Protein backbone atom coordinates (compact mmCIF):
# COMPACT_ATOMS: atom_id res chain seq x y z
CA MET A 1 -25.47 -14.86 92.01
CA ALA A 2 -23.34 -16.04 89.25
CA THR A 3 -24.33 -13.91 86.65
CA TYR A 4 -23.51 -10.84 88.98
CA LYS A 5 -20.36 -12.20 89.68
CA ASP A 6 -19.52 -12.55 86.17
CA ALA A 7 -20.70 -9.00 85.39
CA LEU A 8 -18.84 -7.62 88.22
CA SER A 9 -15.44 -9.52 86.80
CA CYS A 10 -16.29 -8.04 83.66
CA VAL A 11 -16.59 -4.42 84.72
CA GLU A 12 -13.11 -4.96 86.50
CA GLN A 13 -11.46 -6.36 83.37
CA ILE A 14 -12.78 -3.67 81.46
CA ALA A 15 -11.64 -1.23 84.00
CA ASP A 16 -8.00 -2.92 84.26
CA ARG A 17 -7.69 -2.36 80.23
CA ARG A 18 -8.61 1.24 80.63
CA GLN A 19 -5.92 1.85 83.40
CA SER A 20 -3.42 0.24 80.97
CA MET A 21 -3.99 1.84 77.84
CA ALA A 22 -4.07 5.55 80.07
CA HIS A 23 -0.62 4.50 81.35
CA TYR A 24 0.55 3.39 77.77
CA GLU A 25 -0.73 6.94 76.65
CA ASN A 26 0.64 8.64 79.30
CA THR A 27 3.94 6.94 78.94
CA THR A 28 3.98 7.41 75.12
CA GLU A 29 3.00 11.13 75.13
CA ALA A 30 6.17 11.74 78.01
CA LEU A 31 8.70 9.88 75.60
CA VAL A 32 7.06 11.89 72.23
CA ASN A 33 7.34 15.24 74.26
CA GLY A 34 10.99 14.10 75.64
CA MET A 35 11.93 13.43 72.12
CA GLY A 36 10.73 16.87 70.96
CA SER A 37 12.69 18.66 73.47
CA ASN A 38 15.81 16.51 73.15
CA GLN A 39 15.24 14.95 76.81
CA VAL A 40 15.70 11.52 75.08
CA ALA A 41 16.67 10.05 71.90
CA VAL A 42 16.24 6.75 70.41
CA ASN A 43 19.58 4.97 69.22
CA ASN A 44 19.67 1.54 67.54
CA GLY A 45 16.16 1.00 69.07
CA ARG A 46 17.01 1.98 72.14
CA ILE A 47 15.73 4.69 74.23
CA GLU A 48 18.69 7.34 75.98
CA GLY A 49 19.48 10.35 77.79
CA GLY A 50 19.52 13.61 75.10
CA ALA A 51 21.14 16.54 75.99
CA ASN A 52 18.44 18.05 78.91
CA LYS A 53 18.25 14.83 80.11
CA ALA A 54 17.66 15.94 83.34
CA ASP A 55 14.54 17.96 82.28
CA PHE A 56 12.99 14.42 81.33
CA VAL A 57 10.04 13.60 83.51
CA PHE A 58 10.91 10.13 84.48
CA VAL A 59 14.95 11.56 85.35
CA ARG A 60 13.01 13.81 87.86
CA ALA A 61 10.25 11.63 89.00
CA HIS A 62 13.21 9.38 89.78
CA GLN A 63 15.38 11.42 91.51
CA ASN A 64 12.48 12.80 93.67
CA ALA A 65 11.92 9.15 94.65
CA LYS A 66 15.70 8.40 95.82
CA ASP A 67 15.56 11.81 97.66
CA VAL A 68 12.12 10.86 99.63
CA PHE A 69 13.55 7.45 100.20
CA GLN A 70 16.79 8.99 101.52
CA THR A 71 15.12 11.68 103.71
CA TYR A 72 12.53 9.38 105.12
CA LYS A 73 15.11 6.52 105.50
CA LEU A 74 12.82 4.27 103.87
CA GLY A 75 15.52 2.11 102.53
CA MET A 76 16.46 1.12 106.19
CA ALA A 77 13.11 0.14 107.63
CA GLY A 78 14.16 -3.27 109.07
CA SER A 79 10.30 -4.41 108.62
CA ARG A 80 7.20 -4.15 106.39
CA ASP A 81 5.49 -2.20 109.94
CA GLU A 82 8.40 0.13 110.22
CA PHE A 83 8.62 0.88 105.92
CA VAL A 84 4.79 1.31 106.45
CA LYS A 85 5.42 3.62 109.54
CA ASN A 86 8.21 5.70 107.70
CA LEU A 87 5.84 5.97 104.48
CA ASN A 88 3.15 7.17 106.26
CA ASN A 89 5.39 9.82 107.79
CA ALA A 90 6.56 11.01 104.69
CA THR A 91 3.34 11.19 102.79
CA SER A 92 1.80 13.07 105.51
CA THR A 93 4.77 15.50 106.04
CA MET A 94 4.85 15.62 102.43
CA SER A 95 1.41 16.81 102.33
CA GLU A 96 1.30 20.07 104.78
């Protein structure tokens, strides 16, 4: 049984590393593409908004998240259960 658990743990670690690498690759690609289309720029070692920053994928995602939180009152939930209920309502409404 120990060998099975060790093997399972190894597989989980490999999956975690692959997921981390995929996230890194996707984020890097988004940054490179954003730099190419003047959505972001590097200034003194910092990433800053470019002339077309409103079009940058992470800016749009952040705005969308803010809109979802406001529309479905996720920030006003008084408890975890209320938050989960509101979140389930939001996801079911958005998937329709």
